Amino acid sequence: MTPIRRDTSWQPAPAAAGRYRQWLTDRGSLTARIAARCPRVRVEVVFQGLRRPDRDERFLFANRGRVLVREIFLVCGDTRVVFAHTVLDPRDLCGDWRAVKKLGTRPLGAALFADARIRRYPLRQRKIARHHELHRRLSQLAHKVPPALWARRSLFALHNSPILVTEVFLPEILGL
């Protein structure tokens, strides 16, 4: 399975990412990396439920009218540093990804990196602007969102079941 290659709006690491580049290209657990720099990291769940896939997720979920979406903030102390958006086929909640429905406020990354059977495809990045669906949702959830934000996308697969994770970096991440 190589569906990520068909998603042309997300690219390999851009040279123009500046100080965000190290965050965009690190292949380890983002939560673990933040926890190494922050004494108190927590997950703030802002949405988990069924929704239509975003326009740039349909390359993977084209045949699904609704997908399971989980949106969270990674919070360092009292400061939100990352907005994460996870998408999967709801049928997989009874199969390969059943642990996702029980995550609650635990980070998804811990589960993904703990299972050696899970394959991670190459990271993809892009700058998302106000017209992007994730930017619009983030703007409804947070104050003073910049007009463009760097984000990275990871495709994970367990057997033939994909899970798509997009992490949007808030400017506060640069303080870590």
N, C-alpha and C. Protein backbone atom coordinates (compact mmCIF):
# COMPACT_ATOMS: atom_id res chain seq x y z
N MET A 1 0.84 -1.18 0.00
CA MET A 1 0.00 0.00 0.00
C MET A 1 0.89 1.24 0.00
N THR A 2 0.71 2.14 -0.96
CA THR A 2 1.46 3.40 -0.99
C THR A 2 0.55 4.57 -1.35
N PRO A 3 -0.59 4.71 -0.69
CA PRO A 3 -1.52 5.77 -1.05
C PRO A 3 -1.00 7.17 -0.78
N ILE A 4 -0.03 7.33 0.11
CA ILE A 4 0.47 8.67 0.42
C ILE A 4 1.08 9.34 -0.80
N ARG A 5 1.60 8.56 -1.74
CA ARG A 5 2.22 9.13 -2.93
C ARG A 5 1.21 9.84 -3.83
N ARG A 6 -0.04 9.49 -3.72
CA ARG A 6 -1.06 10.14 -4.54
C ARG A 6 -1.50 11.48 -3.95
N ASP A 7 -1.09 11.75 -2.75
CA ASP A 7 -1.47 13.01 -2.10
C ASP A 7 -0.43 14.06 -2.44
N THR A 8 -0.63 14.77 -3.53
CA THR A 8 0.39 15.70 -4.03
C THR A 8 0.39 17.05 -3.33
N SER A 9 -0.60 17.34 -2.48
CA SER A 9 -0.61 18.62 -1.79
C SER A 9 0.34 18.63 -0.59
N TRP A 10 0.81 17.48 -0.18
CA TRP A 10 1.76 17.35 0.91
C TRP A 10 3.06 16.84 0.32
N GLN A 11 4.18 17.45 0.69
CA GLN A 11 5.47 17.18 0.07
C GLN A 11 6.52 16.74 1.09
N PRO A 12 7.66 16.20 0.62
CA PRO A 12 8.78 15.96 1.53
C PRO A 12 9.25 17.28 2.14
N ALA A 13 10.08 17.21 3.14
CA ALA A 13 10.50 18.38 3.92
C ALA A 13 10.88 19.58 3.08
N PRO A 14 10.18 20.70 3.25
CA PRO A 14 10.50 21.91 2.51
C PRO A 14 11.72 22.63 3.09
N ALA A 15 12.53 23.17 2.24
CA ALA A 15 13.73 23.89 2.69
C ALA A 15 13.38 25.20 3.39
N ALA A 16 12.23 25.78 3.07
CA ALA A 16 11.85 27.09 3.60
C ALA A 16 11.19 27.03 4.97
N ALA A 17 11.20 25.90 5.64
CA ALA A 17 10.48 25.76 6.90
C ALA A 17 11.16 26.44 8.08
N GLY A 18 12.40 26.85 7.93
CA GLY A 18 13.10 27.58 8.99
C GLY A 18 13.18 26.80 10.28
N ARG A 19 12.84 27.45 11.39
CA ARG A 19 12.94 26.83 12.71
C ARG A 19 11.96 25.68 12.91
N TYR A 20 10.95 25.57 12.05
CA TYR A 20 9.99 24.47 12.15
C TYR A 20 10.54 23.17 11.56
N ARG A 21 11.58 23.29 10.75
CA ARG A 21 12.09 22.12 10.02
C ARG A 21 12.41 20.95 10.94
N GLN A 22 13.05 21.19 12.08
CA GLN A 22 13.40 20.10 12.98
C GLN A 22 12.15 19.39 13.52
N TRP A 23 11.08 20.14 13.72
CA TRP A 23 9.84 19.52 14.19
C TRP A 23 9.15 18.76 13.05
N LEU A 24 9.22 19.29 11.85
CA LEU A 24 8.55 18.68 10.70
C LEU A 24 9.19 17.37 10.28
N THR A 25 10.48 17.23 10.49
CA THR A 25 11.20 16.08 9.93
C THR A 25 11.55 14.99 10.94
N ASP A 26 11.36 15.23 12.21
CA ASP A 26 11.68 14.22 13.23
C ASP A 26 10.72 13.04 13.11
N ARG A 27 11.28 11.85 12.90
CA ARG A 27 10.44 10.67 12.67
C ARG A 27 10.03 9.95 13.96
N GLY A 28 10.48 10.43 15.09
CA GLY A 28 10.10 9.81 16.36
C GLY A 28 8.73 10.29 16.81
N SER A 29 8.36 9.90 18.00
CA SER A 29 7.09 10.31 18.59
C SER A 29 7.14 11.80 18.93
N LEU A 30 6.21 12.56 18.38
CA LEU A 30 6.15 13.99 18.67
C LEU A 30 5.84 14.23 20.15
N THR A 31 4.95 13.44 20.71
CA THR A 31 4.61 13.59 22.12
C THR A 31 5.84 13.35 22.99
N ALA A 32 6.62 12.33 22.69
CA ALA A 32 7.83 12.04 23.47
C ALA A 32 8.84 13.18 23.34
N ARG A 33 8.95 13.75 22.16
CA ARG A 33 9.89 14.86 21.95
C ARG A 33 9.46 16.09 22.76
N ILE A 34 8.19 16.37 22.77
CA ILE A 34 7.68 17.49 23.55
C ILE A 34 7.87 17.21 25.04
N ALA A 35 7.58 15.99 25.47
CA ALA A 35 7.72 15.63 26.89
C ALA A 35 9.16 15.77 27.36
N ALA A 36 10.12 15.56 26.47
CA ALA A 36 11.54 15.71 26.84
C ALA A 36 11.89 17.17 27.12
N ARG A 37 11.07 18.11 26.60
CA ARG A 37 11.34 19.54 26.76
C ARG A 37 10.35 20.23 27.70
N CYS A 38 9.35 19.50 28.13
CA CYS A 38 8.27 20.10 28.91
C CYS A 38 7.96 19.20 30.10
N PRO A 39 7.97 19.77 31.31
CA PRO A 39 7.74 18.94 32.50
C PRO A 39 6.33 18.37 32.61
N ARG A 40 5.36 19.02 31.99
CA ARG A 40 3.97 18.55 32.11
C ARG A 40 3.28 18.65 30.74
N VAL A 41 3.13 17.49 30.09
CA VAL A 41 2.46 17.42 28.80
C VAL A 41 1.13 16.70 29.00
N ARG A 42 0.11 17.25 28.36
CA ARG A 42 -1.20 16.58 28.43
C ARG A 42 -1.90 16.68 27.09
N VAL A 43 -2.88 15.83 26.92
CA VAL A 43 -3.70 15.79 25.71
C VAL A 43 -5.05 16.40 26.04
N GLU A 44 -5.46 17.37 25.24
CA GLU A 44 -6.78 17.99 25.38
C GLU A 44 -7.61 17.57 24.16
N VAL A 45 -8.56 16.67 24.38
CA VAL A 45 -9.41 16.18 23.29
C VAL A 45 -10.47 17.24 23.00
N VAL A 46 -10.56 17.66 21.72
CA VAL A 46 -11.56 18.66 21.36
C VAL A 46 -12.66 18.10 20.48
N PHE A 47 -12.40 16.93 19.84
CA PHE A 47 -13.44 16.29 19.04
C PHE A 47 -13.05 14.84 18.80
N GLN A 48 -14.03 13.96 18.90
CA GLN A 48 -13.87 12.59 18.44
C GLN A 48 -15.23 12.11 17.99
N GLY A 49 -15.35 11.81 16.70
CA GLY A 49 -16.63 11.37 16.16
C GLY A 49 -16.54 11.19 14.66
N LEU A 50 -17.69 10.95 14.05
CA LEU A 50 -17.75 10.72 12.61
C LEU A 50 -17.91 12.05 11.88
N ARG A 51 -17.23 12.12 10.74
CA ARG A 51 -17.23 13.34 9.92
C ARG A 51 -16.82 12.93 8.51
N ARG A 52 -17.16 13.76 7.55
CA ARG A 52 -16.67 13.53 6.18
C ARG A 52 -15.16 13.79 6.16
N PRO A 53 -14.41 13.01 5.37
CA PRO A 53 -12.96 13.30 5.29
C PRO A 53 -12.73 14.66 4.64
N ASP A 54 -11.69 15.35 5.09
CA ASP A 54 -11.30 16.62 4.48
C ASP A 54 -10.90 16.37 3.02
N ARG A 55 -10.92 17.41 2.24
CA ARG A 55 -10.62 17.33 0.81
C ARG A 55 -9.29 16.62 0.54
N ASP A 56 -8.24 16.97 1.29
CA ASP A 56 -6.93 16.36 1.02
C ASP A 56 -6.72 15.04 1.76
N GLU A 57 -7.80 14.48 2.31
CA GLU A 57 -7.74 13.13 2.90
C GLU A 57 -8.49 12.12 2.05
N ARG A 58 -9.18 12.60 1.05
CA ARG A 58 -10.03 11.71 0.24
C ARG A 58 -9.22 10.77 -0.65
N PHE A 59 -7.94 11.06 -0.87
CA PHE A 59 -7.10 10.15 -1.64
C PHE A 59 -7.04 8.78 -0.93
N LEU A 60 -7.20 8.79 0.36
CA LEU A 60 -7.10 7.57 1.16
C LEU A 60 -8.46 7.02 1.55
N PHE A 61 -9.42 7.92 1.73
CA PHE A 61 -10.74 7.52 2.21
C PHE A 61 -11.84 7.88 1.19
N ALA A 62 -11.53 7.74 -0.08
CA ALA A 62 -12.45 8.15 -1.15
C ALA A 62 -13.77 7.40 -1.10
N ASN A 63 -13.75 6.15 -0.68
CA ASN A 63 -14.97 5.34 -0.68
C ASN A 63 -15.73 5.39 0.63
N ARG A 64 -15.33 6.27 1.52
CA ARG A 64 -15.97 6.38 2.83
C ARG A 64 -16.74 7.68 2.91
N GLY A 65 -18.03 7.59 3.19
CA GLY A 65 -18.82 8.81 3.38
C GLY A 65 -18.44 9.50 4.67
N ARG A 66 -18.18 8.70 5.69
CA ARG A 66 -17.78 9.24 6.99
C ARG A 66 -16.58 8.45 7.50
N VAL A 67 -15.73 9.17 8.20
CA VAL A 67 -14.55 8.58 8.83
C VAL A 67 -14.56 8.96 10.30
N LEU A 68 -13.80 8.22 11.10
CA LEU A 68 -13.64 8.62 12.49
C LEU A 68 -12.55 9.66 12.55
N VAL A 69 -12.83 10.78 13.18
CA VAL A 69 -11.87 11.87 13.34
C VAL A 69 -11.65 12.10 14.83
N ARG A 70 -10.38 12.22 15.19
CA ARG A 70 -10.01 12.58 16.57
C ARG A 70 -9.13 13.82 16.47
N GLU A 71 -9.54 14.88 17.15
CA GLU A 71 -8.76 16.12 17.15
C GLU A 71 -8.41 16.46 18.58
N ILE A 72 -7.13 16.77 18.77
CA ILE A 72 -6.62 17.07 20.11
C ILE A 72 -5.61 18.21 20.04
N PHE A 73 -5.36 18.80 21.19
CA PHE A 73 -4.22 19.70 21.35
C PHE A 73 -3.22 18.98 22.23
N LEU A 74 -1.94 19.06 21.89
CA LEU A 74 -0.88 18.69 22.81
C LEU A 74 -0.55 19.96 23.57
N VAL A 75 -0.57 19.87 24.88
CA VAL A 75 -0.44 21.04 25.74
C VAL A 75 0.79 20.88 26.63
N CYS A 76 1.66 21.88 26.63
CA CYS A 76 2.84 21.92 27.49
C CYS A 76 2.51 22.89 28.62
N GLY A 77 2.38 22.37 29.83
CA GLY A 77 1.94 23.22 30.94
C GLY A 77 0.52 23.68 30.67
N ASP A 78 0.35 24.97 30.41
CA ASP A 78 -0.96 25.51 30.03
C ASP A 78 -0.97 26.05 28.61
N THR A 79 0.08 25.72 27.83
CA THR A 79 0.24 26.28 26.49
C THR A 79 0.03 25.21 25.42
N ARG A 80 -0.93 25.46 24.55
CA ARG A 80 -1.15 24.56 23.41
C ARG A 80 0.00 24.73 22.42
N VAL A 81 0.61 23.61 22.02
CA VAL A 81 1.74 23.69 21.10
C VAL A 81 1.50 22.96 19.78
N VAL A 82 0.58 22.00 19.75
CA VAL A 82 0.28 21.23 18.53
C VAL A 82 -1.21 20.94 18.49
N PHE A 83 -1.78 21.06 17.30
CA PHE A 83 -3.14 20.62 17.03
C PHE A 83 -3.00 19.36 16.18
N ALA A 84 -3.49 18.23 16.68
CA ALA A 84 -3.37 16.96 15.95
C ALA A 84 -4.74 16.48 15.49
N HIS A 85 -4.76 15.95 14.28
CA HIS A 85 -5.99 15.53 13.61
C HIS A 85 -5.73 14.12 13.07
N THR A 86 -6.49 13.15 13.58
CA THR A 86 -6.32 11.74 13.20
C THR A 86 -7.57 11.25 12.50
N VAL A 87 -7.38 10.48 11.41
CA VAL A 87 -8.50 10.00 10.61
C VAL A 87 -8.32 8.50 10.35
N LEU A 88 -9.40 7.75 10.51
CA LEU A 88 -9.37 6.33 10.16
C LEU A 88 -10.76 5.86 9.79
N ASP A 89 -10.80 4.72 9.15
CA ASP A 89 -12.06 4.10 8.75
C ASP A 89 -12.74 3.59 10.02
N PRO A 90 -13.98 3.98 10.30
CA PRO A 90 -14.63 3.55 11.54
C PRO A 90 -14.77 2.04 11.67
N ARG A 91 -14.78 1.33 10.54
CA ARG A 91 -14.87 -0.15 10.59
C ARG A 91 -13.64 -0.75 11.26
N ASP A 92 -12.51 -0.03 11.20
CA ASP A 92 -11.28 -0.54 11.80
C ASP A 92 -11.26 -0.43 13.32
N LEU A 93 -12.24 0.24 13.91
CA LEU A 93 -12.32 0.32 15.37
C LEU A 93 -12.69 -1.02 16.00
N CYS A 94 -13.21 -1.92 15.20
CA CYS A 94 -13.52 -3.28 15.68
C CYS A 94 -12.39 -4.23 15.28
N GLY A 95 -11.40 -3.73 14.61
CA GLY A 95 -10.29 -4.55 14.14
C GLY A 95 -8.97 -4.00 14.58
N ASP A 96 -8.13 -3.69 13.58
CA ASP A 96 -6.74 -3.30 13.84
C ASP A 96 -6.58 -2.09 14.75
N TRP A 97 -7.46 -1.13 14.67
CA TRP A 97 -7.30 0.12 15.43
C TRP A 97 -8.29 0.23 16.60
N ARG A 98 -8.73 -0.88 17.16
CA ARG A 98 -9.74 -0.84 18.23
C ARG A 98 -9.28 -0.05 19.46
N ALA A 99 -7.97 0.02 19.69
CA ALA A 99 -7.45 0.75 20.86
C ALA A 99 -7.71 2.25 20.76
N VAL A 100 -7.92 2.78 19.55
CA VAL A 100 -8.11 4.22 19.35
C VAL A 100 -9.37 4.72 20.09
N LYS A 101 -10.42 3.91 20.08
CA LYS A 101 -11.67 4.38 20.70
C LYS A 101 -11.56 4.46 22.22
N LYS A 102 -10.51 3.86 22.80
CA LYS A 102 -10.34 3.88 24.26
C LYS A 102 -9.22 4.81 24.71
N LEU A 103 -8.67 5.62 23.82
CA LEU A 103 -7.54 6.47 24.17
C LEU A 103 -7.87 7.52 25.23
N GLY A 104 -9.02 8.12 25.11
CA GLY A 104 -9.36 9.21 26.04
C GLY A 104 -8.33 10.32 25.93
N THR A 105 -7.71 10.69 27.03
CA THR A 105 -6.72 11.77 27.02
C THR A 105 -5.28 11.24 26.92
N ARG A 106 -5.14 9.97 26.56
CA ARG A 106 -3.79 9.43 26.34
C ARG A 106 -3.36 9.72 24.91
N PRO A 107 -2.08 9.96 24.68
CA PRO A 107 -1.61 10.26 23.32
C PRO A 107 -1.62 9.02 22.41
N LEU A 108 -2.01 9.24 21.18
CA LEU A 108 -2.02 8.18 20.17
C LEU A 108 -0.60 7.69 19.86
N GLY A 109 0.35 8.61 19.87
CA GLY A 109 1.73 8.27 19.50
C GLY A 109 2.31 7.13 20.30
N ALA A 110 1.99 7.07 21.59
CA ALA A 110 2.52 6.00 22.44
C ALA A 110 2.07 4.64 21.91
N ALA A 111 0.82 4.54 21.48
CA ALA A 111 0.31 3.28 20.94
C ALA A 111 0.93 2.96 19.58
N LEU A 112 1.09 3.97 18.74
CA LEU A 112 1.63 3.74 17.40
C LEU A 112 3.08 3.28 17.44
N PHE A 113 3.88 3.87 18.30
CA PHE A 113 5.30 3.55 18.33
C PHE A 113 5.61 2.32 19.17
N ALA A 114 4.62 1.83 19.92
CA ALA A 114 4.84 0.66 20.77
C ALA A 114 4.63 -0.66 20.03
N ASP A 115 3.99 -0.63 18.89
CA ASP A 115 3.66 -1.85 18.14
C ASP A 115 4.56 -1.96 16.92
N ALA A 116 5.46 -2.93 16.94
CA ALA A 116 6.42 -3.11 15.84
C ALA A 116 5.75 -3.52 14.54
N ARG A 117 4.51 -3.98 14.58
CA ARG A 117 3.81 -4.38 13.34
C ARG A 117 3.31 -3.18 12.55
N ILE A 118 3.25 -2.01 13.19
CA ILE A 118 2.73 -0.81 12.53
C ILE A 118 3.81 -0.22 11.64
N ARG A 119 3.46 -0.01 10.38
CA ARG A 119 4.39 0.58 9.42
C ARG A 119 4.09 2.07 9.29
N ARG A 120 5.15 2.87 9.27
CA ARG A 120 4.99 4.31 9.07
C ARG A 120 5.59 4.66 7.72
N TYR A 121 4.81 5.35 6.92
CA TYR A 121 5.28 5.82 5.61
C TYR A 121 6.03 7.13 5.79
N PRO A 122 6.76 7.57 4.78
CA PRO A 122 7.54 8.82 4.91
C PRO A 122 6.66 10.01 5.28
N LEU A 123 7.21 10.87 6.10
CA LEU A 123 6.52 12.10 6.50
C LEU A 123 6.31 13.01 5.29
N ARG A 124 5.22 13.75 5.33
CA ARG A 124 4.92 14.75 4.30
C ARG A 124 4.61 16.05 5.05
N GLN A 125 4.92 17.18 4.43
CA GLN A 125 4.71 18.47 5.08
C GLN A 125 4.07 19.46 4.12
N ARG A 126 3.52 20.50 4.71
CA ARG A 126 3.04 21.65 3.94
C ARG A 126 2.67 22.77 4.89
N LYS A 127 2.54 23.93 4.34
CA LYS A 127 2.05 25.08 5.07
C LYS A 127 0.55 25.14 4.80
N ILE A 128 -0.24 25.23 5.84
CA ILE A 128 -1.69 25.34 5.64
C ILE A 128 -2.11 26.79 5.92
N ALA A 129 -2.94 27.30 5.04
CA ALA A 129 -3.41 28.68 5.14
C ALA A 129 -4.89 28.70 5.53
N ARG A 130 -5.43 29.88 5.60
CA ARG A 130 -6.82 30.07 6.07
C ARG A 130 -7.84 29.27 5.27
N HIS A 131 -7.59 29.00 4.01
CA HIS A 131 -8.57 28.26 3.21
C HIS A 131 -8.59 26.77 3.52
N HIS A 132 -7.57 26.25 4.18
CA HIS A 132 -7.49 24.82 4.49
C HIS A 132 -8.47 24.46 5.61
N GLU A 133 -9.12 23.31 5.48
CA GLU A 133 -10.14 22.91 6.46
C GLU A 133 -9.58 22.82 7.89
N LEU A 134 -8.36 22.32 8.05
CA LEU A 134 -7.78 22.23 9.39
C LEU A 134 -7.53 23.61 9.99
N HIS A 135 -7.08 24.53 9.16
CA HIS A 135 -6.85 25.90 9.65
C HIS A 135 -8.16 26.52 10.11
N ARG A 136 -9.21 26.31 9.33
CA ARG A 136 -10.52 26.87 9.70
C ARG A 136 -11.02 26.29 11.03
N ARG A 137 -10.87 24.96 11.22
CA ARG A 137 -11.30 24.36 12.48
C ARG A 137 -10.45 24.84 13.64
N LEU A 138 -9.15 24.94 13.42
CA LEU A 138 -8.26 25.43 14.47
C LEU A 138 -8.63 26.86 14.86
N SER A 139 -8.97 27.67 13.88
CA SER A 139 -9.35 29.06 14.15
C SER A 139 -10.62 29.15 15.00
N GLN A 140 -11.48 28.15 14.93
CA GLN A 140 -12.68 28.12 15.76
C GLN A 140 -12.36 27.70 17.19
N LEU A 141 -11.25 27.01 17.37
CA LEU A 141 -10.89 26.46 18.68
C LEU A 141 -9.87 27.30 19.45
N ALA A 142 -9.14 28.14 18.75
CA ALA A 142 -8.04 28.88 19.39
C ALA A 142 -8.10 30.35 18.99
N HIS A 143 -7.49 31.18 19.81
CA HIS A 143 -7.43 32.62 19.54
C HIS A 143 -6.14 32.95 18.80
N LYS A 144 -6.18 33.98 18.00
CA LYS A 144 -4.98 34.53 17.34
C LYS A 144 -4.19 33.47 16.57
N VAL A 145 -4.86 32.78 15.67
CA VAL A 145 -4.18 31.79 14.83
C VAL A 145 -3.52 32.53 13.66
N PRO A 146 -2.22 32.33 13.45
CA PRO A 146 -1.54 33.00 12.33
C PRO A 146 -2.18 32.61 10.99
N PRO A 147 -2.00 33.43 9.95
CA PRO A 147 -2.62 33.15 8.66
C PRO A 147 -2.10 31.88 7.98
N ALA A 148 -0.93 31.41 8.35
CA ALA A 148 -0.39 30.17 7.79
C ALA A 148 0.39 29.44 8.89
N LEU A 149 0.27 28.11 8.88
CA LEU A 149 0.93 27.28 9.89
C LEU A 149 1.59 26.08 9.21
N TRP A 150 2.72 25.65 9.74
CA TRP A 150 3.37 24.45 9.23
C TRP A 150 2.71 23.21 9.83
N ALA A 151 2.57 22.18 9.00
CA ALA A 151 1.98 20.93 9.45
C ALA A 151 2.72 19.76 8.80
N ARG A 152 2.64 18.62 9.45
CA ARG A 152 3.19 17.40 8.87
C ARG A 152 2.13 16.32 8.95
N ARG A 153 2.28 15.35 8.06
CA ARG A 153 1.30 14.28 7.96
C ARG A 153 2.04 12.95 7.96
N SER A 154 1.50 12.01 8.72
CA SER A 154 2.06 10.66 8.78
C SER A 154 0.96 9.67 8.43
N LEU A 155 1.30 8.72 7.60
CA LEU A 155 0.41 7.61 7.30
C LEU A 155 0.98 6.39 7.99
N PHE A 156 0.18 5.76 8.83
CA PHE A 156 0.56 4.53 9.50
C PHE A 156 -0.35 3.43 8.97
N ALA A 157 0.14 2.20 8.94
CA ALA A 157 -0.69 1.09 8.50
C ALA A 157 -0.41 -0.13 9.37
N LEU A 158 -1.47 -0.79 9.74
CA LEU A 158 -1.39 -2.06 10.44
C LEU A 158 -2.16 -3.03 9.56
N HIS A 159 -1.45 -4.00 9.03
CA HIS A 159 -1.99 -4.89 7.99
C HIS A 159 -2.39 -4.00 6.81
N ASN A 160 -3.64 -3.99 6.42
CA ASN A 160 -4.06 -3.11 5.32
C ASN A 160 -4.95 -1.98 5.80
N SER A 161 -4.91 -1.69 7.09
CA SER A 161 -5.76 -0.65 7.67
C SER A 161 -4.94 0.61 7.92
N PRO A 162 -5.23 1.70 7.20
CA PRO A 162 -4.46 2.94 7.39
C PRO A 162 -5.04 3.84 8.48
N ILE A 163 -4.18 4.64 9.05
CA ILE A 163 -4.58 5.71 9.95
C ILE A 163 -3.73 6.92 9.55
N LEU A 164 -4.37 8.05 9.37
CA LEU A 164 -3.70 9.25 8.91
C LEU A 164 -3.64 10.27 10.04
N VAL A 165 -2.44 10.72 10.38
CA VAL A 165 -2.24 11.65 11.48
C VAL A 165 -1.62 12.94 10.95
N THR A 166 -2.29 14.05 11.16
CA THR A 166 -1.77 15.35 10.77
C THR A 166 -1.52 16.16 12.03
N GLU A 167 -0.32 16.73 12.11
CA GLU A 167 0.06 17.55 13.27
C GLU A 167 0.36 18.96 12.80
N VAL A 168 -0.39 19.91 13.33
CA VAL A 168 -0.24 21.32 12.98
C VAL A 168 0.53 21.99 14.12
N PHE A 169 1.66 22.61 13.77
CA PHE A 169 2.52 23.22 14.78
C PHE A 169 2.11 24.65 15.05
N LEU A 170 1.75 24.91 16.28
CA LEU A 170 1.41 26.27 16.70
C LEU A 170 2.71 27.02 16.98
N PRO A 171 2.74 28.33 16.83
CA PRO A 171 3.99 29.09 17.02
C PRO A 171 4.65 28.84 18.38
N GLU A 172 3.87 28.50 19.39
CA GLU A 172 4.41 28.27 20.72
C GLU A 172 5.36 27.09 20.79
N ILE A 173 5.31 26.19 19.80
CA ILE A 173 6.23 25.04 19.79
C ILE A 173 7.67 25.52 19.71
N LEU A 174 7.91 26.67 19.12
CA LEU A 174 9.28 27.16 18.96
C LEU A 174 9.90 27.57 20.29
N GLY A 175 9.10 27.72 21.32
CA GLY A 175 9.61 28.05 22.65
C GLY A 175 10.14 26.84 23.41
N LEU A 176 9.94 25.67 22.87
CA LEU A 176 10.42 24.45 23.55
C LEU A 176 11.85 24.11 23.16
